[in-house]
Amino acid sequence: MVMLHGVCGHGARWRRTAERYLADRSVLAPDLRGHGRSTHEPPWTVERHVADVLAMMDAEGVERADLVGHSYGGMIALHLARTVPRRVRRLLLLDPAIGLDPATAGREARGHLAPSSFADAAEARADRAARWPEAPREAVDEEVAEHLEHGPDGRLRWRFDPAAAVTAYSEMARPHLAPPAGLPTHLVIATEADFVRPEFVMDLRAALGPGLVISEIEAGHMLYVDRREETGVLLAAWLSEGGAGR
């Protein structure tokens, strides 16, 4: 299984989900280019991310995988499936950010031009807890431990390149596309967010027919952090049922 994080995130956010609910699976959860401990060199386009993930799969000897993507990671997963459908067994999209309203995407992108910085880890933790009010304490603690780095000025910042984040929001404003016909796809919508556009859902239904399963989780956009158990159980059930749903 390959699990892809969203913009400004990192692969270790999947660790608890993998350990608790996917322990019988081989899980790869890379840091995307421009994020975490991966190279921060451009380009940061969807096509470059797809090529990076395929290169990782090749390096790990993974010919075909179940693919899970959250937010921007969902867009990358979908494009990977369209690029080389034979490499993807099943696709699960967790509140994917695809075909966003350009004005909204532009506003979010500009908000990353001047990234936040912190005097110490306690200040960073308070900031993350305020942004993730529904997240369990352990998730906030893990984020602080894993995702902070010192900048040249000695202040702490989250471990991603602001330019990569700006590019990601531009990419998410592209017109949406559907997965290839015949690919079993599970779309999970966070009901308290507004990322999954109705027209995207309509086009998925038209393209995939009975191959599409749609679930909802009462959560904000960070559903796999805020509702870790519910999301983990859903993932495990999806795998055990061969991608089928009710």
Protein backbone atom coordinates (compact mmCIF):
# COMPACT_ATOMS: atom_id res chain seq x y z
CA MET A 1 0.00 0.00 0.00
CA VAL A 2 1.24 3.50 -0.88
CA MET A 3 -0.12 6.40 1.20
CA LEU A 4 0.30 10.01 0.08
CA HIS A 5 -0.02 13.03 2.38
CA GLY A 6 -1.39 16.46 1.53
CA VAL A 7 0.21 19.87 1.09
CA CYS A 8 2.47 20.97 3.97
CA GLY A 9 2.34 17.45 5.42
CA HIS A 10 4.71 14.48 5.58
CA GLY A 11 4.60 10.71 5.35
CA ALA A 12 4.99 10.06 9.08
CA ARG A 13 1.46 11.33 9.67
CA TRP A 14 0.33 7.90 8.48
CA ARG A 15 2.47 6.01 11.01
CA ARG A 16 -0.16 5.46 13.72
CA THR A 17 -2.80 4.47 11.17
CA ALA A 18 -0.43 1.96 9.60
CA GLU A 19 0.68 0.51 12.94
CA ARG A 20 -2.81 0.18 14.41
CA TYR A 21 -4.97 -0.74 11.46
CA LEU A 22 -2.69 -1.94 8.64
CA ALA A 23 -0.17 -4.01 10.57
CA ASP A 24 -0.59 -6.94 8.18
CA ARG A 25 0.25 -4.77 5.17
CA SER A 26 3.46 -3.44 3.69
CA VAL A 27 3.00 0.34 3.75
CA LEU A 28 5.06 2.99 1.96
CA ALA A 29 4.37 6.60 2.99
CA PRO A 30 6.91 8.94 1.37
CA ASP A 31 7.53 12.62 2.01
CA LEU A 32 6.54 14.31 -1.23
CA ARG A 33 9.04 16.54 -3.02
CA GLY A 34 9.28 19.88 -1.23
CA HIS A 35 8.08 18.32 2.03
CA GLY A 36 9.65 16.65 5.03
CA ARG A 37 13.02 15.04 4.43
CA SER A 38 12.65 14.57 0.67
CA THR A 39 14.47 16.85 -1.73
CA HIS A 40 13.02 20.35 -1.89
CA GLU A 41 14.26 20.92 -5.44
CA PRO A 42 11.63 21.93 -8.05
CA PRO A 43 9.64 21.24 -10.08
CA TRP A 44 6.73 20.59 -7.72
CA THR A 45 4.12 19.76 -10.36
CA VAL A 46 1.69 16.86 -10.15
CA GLU A 47 3.59 15.14 -12.96
CA ARG A 48 6.87 15.38 -11.04
CA HIS A 49 5.24 13.99 -7.88
CA VAL A 50 3.78 11.10 -9.91
CA ALA A 51 7.23 10.34 -11.35
CA ASP A 52 8.76 10.47 -7.85
CA VAL A 53 6.21 8.02 -6.42
CA LEU A 54 6.68 5.65 -9.35
CA ALA A 55 10.46 5.82 -8.87
CA MET A 56 10.00 4.96 -5.19
CA MET A 57 7.79 2.00 -6.09
CA ASP A 58 10.39 0.80 -8.57
CA ALA A 59 13.17 1.15 -5.99
CA GLU A 60 11.14 -0.85 -3.47
CA GLY A 61 10.24 -3.55 -5.99
CA VAL A 62 6.50 -2.73 -5.91
CA GLU A 63 4.92 -3.54 -9.24
CA ARG A 64 1.31 -2.88 -8.20
CA ALA A 65 -0.18 -1.27 -5.11
CA ASP A 66 -3.30 -0.09 -3.38
CA LEU A 67 -3.05 3.70 -3.45
CA VAL A 68 -4.37 6.05 -0.74
CA GLY A 69 -4.18 9.82 -1.01
CA HIS A 70 -5.37 12.61 1.28
CA SER A 71 -6.10 16.11 -0.03
CA TYR A 72 -3.35 17.05 -2.54
CA GLY A 73 -2.06 13.49 -2.15
CA GLY A 74 -5.43 12.36 -3.51
CA MET A 75 -4.87 14.42 -6.65
CA ILE A 76 -1.41 12.91 -7.09
CA ALA A 77 -2.81 9.41 -6.55
CA LEU A 78 -5.53 9.96 -9.13
CA HIS A 79 -3.06 11.26 -11.73
CA LEU A 80 -0.72 8.34 -11.06
CA ALA A 81 -3.61 5.95 -11.68
CA ARG A 82 -4.38 7.71 -14.96
CA THR A 83 -0.73 7.74 -16.02
CA VAL A 84 0.00 4.05 -15.39
CA PRO A 85 -3.23 2.23 -14.47
CA ARG A 86 -1.48 -1.14 -14.42
CA ARG A 87 0.50 -0.04 -11.33
CA VAL A 88 -2.63 0.65 -9.24
CA ARG A 89 -4.83 -2.13 -7.85
CA ARG A 90 -7.36 0.08 -6.06
CA LEU A 91 -7.69 3.79 -5.26
CA LEU A 92 -8.89 5.39 -2.04
CA LEU A 93 -9.29 9.18 -1.98
CA LEU A 94 -9.56 10.76 1.48
CA ASP A 95 -11.24 14.16 1.09
CA PRO A 96 -9.25 14.85 -2.09
CA ALA A 97 -8.46 18.44 -3.07
CA ILE A 98 -9.11 18.28 -6.81
CA GLY A 99 -10.55 20.95 -9.09
CA LEU A 100 -10.68 23.59 -6.36
CA ASP A 101 -12.29 26.95 -6.94
CA PRO A 102 -9.45 29.11 -8.33
CA ALA A 103 -10.21 32.04 -6.03
CA THR A 104 -10.07 29.76 -2.98
CA ALA A 105 -6.89 28.07 -4.18
CA GLY A 106 -5.27 31.45 -4.84
CA ARG A 107 -6.16 32.71 -1.38
CA GLU A 108 -4.71 29.60 0.26
CA ALA A 109 -1.56 29.81 -1.87
CA ARG A 110 -0.89 33.43 -0.94
CA GLY A 111 -1.28 32.52 2.72
CA HIS A 112 1.85 30.37 2.41
CA LEU A 113 4.06 33.10 0.99
CA ALA A 114 5.10 34.10 4.52
CA PRO A 115 5.25 30.87 6.57
CA SER A 116 4.88 30.94 10.35
CA SER A 117 7.96 30.64 12.53
CA PHE A 118 8.32 29.92 16.24
CA ALA A 119 10.71 30.77 19.03
CA ASP A 120 10.53 27.26 20.51
CA ALA A 121 8.72 23.93 20.31
CA ALA A 122 6.11 24.98 22.89
CA GLU A 123 5.06 27.89 20.71
CA ALA A 124 4.89 25.61 17.67
CA ARG A 125 2.82 23.09 19.58
CA ALA A 126 0.32 25.76 20.65
CA ASP A 127 0.00 26.86 17.03
CA ARG A 128 -0.60 23.30 15.80
CA ALA A 129 -3.11 22.55 18.56
CA ALA A 130 -5.06 25.69 17.61
CA ARG A 131 -5.10 24.65 13.94
CA TRP A 132 -6.02 21.04 14.80
CA PRO A 133 -8.61 21.51 17.58
CA GLU A 134 -10.08 18.02 17.08
CA ALA A 135 -6.79 16.15 16.92
CA PRO A 136 -5.72 13.87 19.79
CA ARG A 137 -2.85 15.15 21.91
CA GLU A 138 -0.51 12.43 20.64
CA ALA A 139 -1.01 13.58 17.04
CA VAL A 140 0.01 17.14 17.93
CA ASP A 141 3.01 15.89 19.91
CA GLU A 142 4.12 13.71 17.00
CA GLU A 143 3.80 16.59 14.57
CA VAL A 144 6.05 18.76 16.73
CA ALA A 145 8.61 15.97 17.14
CA GLU A 146 8.69 15.00 13.45
CA HIS A 147 7.96 18.08 11.38
CA LEU A 148 9.93 21.03 12.83
CA GLU A 149 13.33 22.30 11.72
CA HIS A 150 15.49 25.32 12.48
CA GLY A 151 15.83 27.99 9.83
CA PRO A 152 18.92 30.13 9.14
CA ASP A 153 17.62 32.68 11.66
CA GLY A 154 17.45 30.05 14.40
CA ARG A 155 13.65 30.02 14.52
CA LEU A 156 11.59 26.86 14.07
CA ARG A 157 9.43 26.27 11.02
CA TRP A 158 7.40 23.35 9.72
CA ARG A 159 9.47 21.15 7.42
CA PHE A 160 8.15 22.08 3.97
CA ASP A 161 9.13 24.54 1.24
CA PRO A 162 6.62 27.43 1.02
CA ALA A 163 7.17 27.59 -2.74
CA ALA A 164 6.13 23.94 -3.03
CA ALA A 165 2.95 24.69 -1.07
CA VAL A 166 2.11 27.65 -3.32
CA THR A 167 2.64 25.47 -6.39
CA ALA A 168 0.46 22.72 -4.92
CA TYR A 169 -2.51 25.05 -4.51
CA SER A 170 -2.08 26.19 -8.10
CA GLU A 171 -2.10 22.55 -9.19
CA MET A 172 -5.25 21.84 -7.16
CA ALA A 173 -7.07 24.52 -9.17
CA ARG A 174 -6.66 22.47 -12.37
CA PRO A 175 -9.92 21.08 -13.83
CA HIS A 176 -10.68 17.77 -12.20
CA LEU A 177 -10.29 14.41 -13.92
CA ALA A 178 -11.79 11.02 -13.10
CA PRO A 179 -9.85 7.80 -12.45
CA PRO A 180 -9.54 5.39 -15.37
CA ALA A 181 -12.65 3.34 -16.08
CA GLY A 182 -12.64 0.00 -14.32
CA LEU A 183 -10.42 1.05 -11.41
CA PRO A 184 -12.15 0.27 -8.06
CA THR A 185 -12.28 3.63 -6.29
CA HIS A 186 -13.43 4.60 -2.80
CA LEU A 187 -14.13 8.29 -2.19
CA VAL A 188 -14.26 9.37 1.46
CA ILE A 189 -15.77 12.80 2.09
CA ALA A 190 -15.16 14.83 5.26
CA THR A 191 -18.60 16.30 5.91
CA GLU A 192 -17.30 19.31 7.86
CA ALA A 193 -14.95 20.39 5.07
CA ASP A 194 -15.68 21.78 1.61
CA PHE A 195 -12.97 20.32 -0.59
CA VAL A 196 -14.85 17.67 -2.58
CA ARG A 197 -16.80 19.48 -5.29
CA PRO A 198 -20.25 18.13 -6.29
CA GLU A 199 -19.31 18.18 -9.97
CA PHE A 200 -16.30 15.98 -9.22
CA VAL A 201 -18.56 13.43 -7.51
CA MET A 202 -20.96 13.50 -10.45
CA ASP A 203 -18.17 12.84 -12.94
CA LEU A 204 -16.80 10.00 -10.78
CA ARG A 205 -20.23 8.36 -10.74
CA ALA A 206 -20.51 8.68 -14.51
CA ALA A 207 -16.99 7.37 -15.18
CA LEU A 208 -16.89 4.51 -12.66
CA GLY A 209 -20.48 3.40 -12.14
CA PRO A 210 -20.62 0.46 -9.69
CA GLY A 211 -16.84 0.63 -9.34
CA LEU A 212 -17.21 3.71 -7.15
CA VAL A 213 -17.93 3.56 -3.41
CA ILE A 214 -18.62 6.76 -1.47
CA SER A 215 -18.37 7.08 2.31
CA GLU A 216 -18.67 10.04 4.64
CA ILE A 217 -16.90 10.78 7.92
CA GLU A 218 -18.12 13.52 10.23
CA ALA A 219 -14.86 15.45 10.47
CA GLY A 220 -12.93 18.36 9.09
CA HIS A 221 -10.44 18.06 6.26
CA MET A 222 -7.77 16.40 8.45
CA LEU A 223 -10.05 13.41 8.98
CA TYR A 224 -7.29 10.79 9.23
CA VAL A 225 -5.73 12.79 12.07
CA ASP A 226 -8.91 13.95 13.82
CA ARG A 227 -10.84 10.67 13.38
CA ARG A 228 -7.96 8.23 13.31
CA GLU A 229 -9.96 5.23 14.51
CA GLU A 230 -12.87 5.73 12.13
CA THR A 231 -10.55 6.31 9.19
CA GLY A 232 -8.31 3.37 10.13
CA VAL A 233 -11.25 0.98 10.48
CA LEU A 234 -12.57 2.12 7.10
CA LEU A 235 -9.17 1.52 5.48
CA ALA A 236 -8.84 -1.93 7.01
CA ALA A 237 -12.37 -2.89 5.95
CA TRP A 238 -11.77 -1.63 2.42
CA LEU A 239 -8.69 -3.83 2.13
CA SER A 240 -10.29 -6.92 3.67
CA GLU A 241 -13.38 -6.62 1.45
CA GLY A 242 -11.36 -6.33 -1.72
CA GLY A 243 -12.28 -2.67 -2.16
CA ALA A 244 -16.01 -3.27 -1.94
CA GLY A 245 -18.33 -1.24 0.24
CA ARG A 246 -21.93 -0.82 1.21
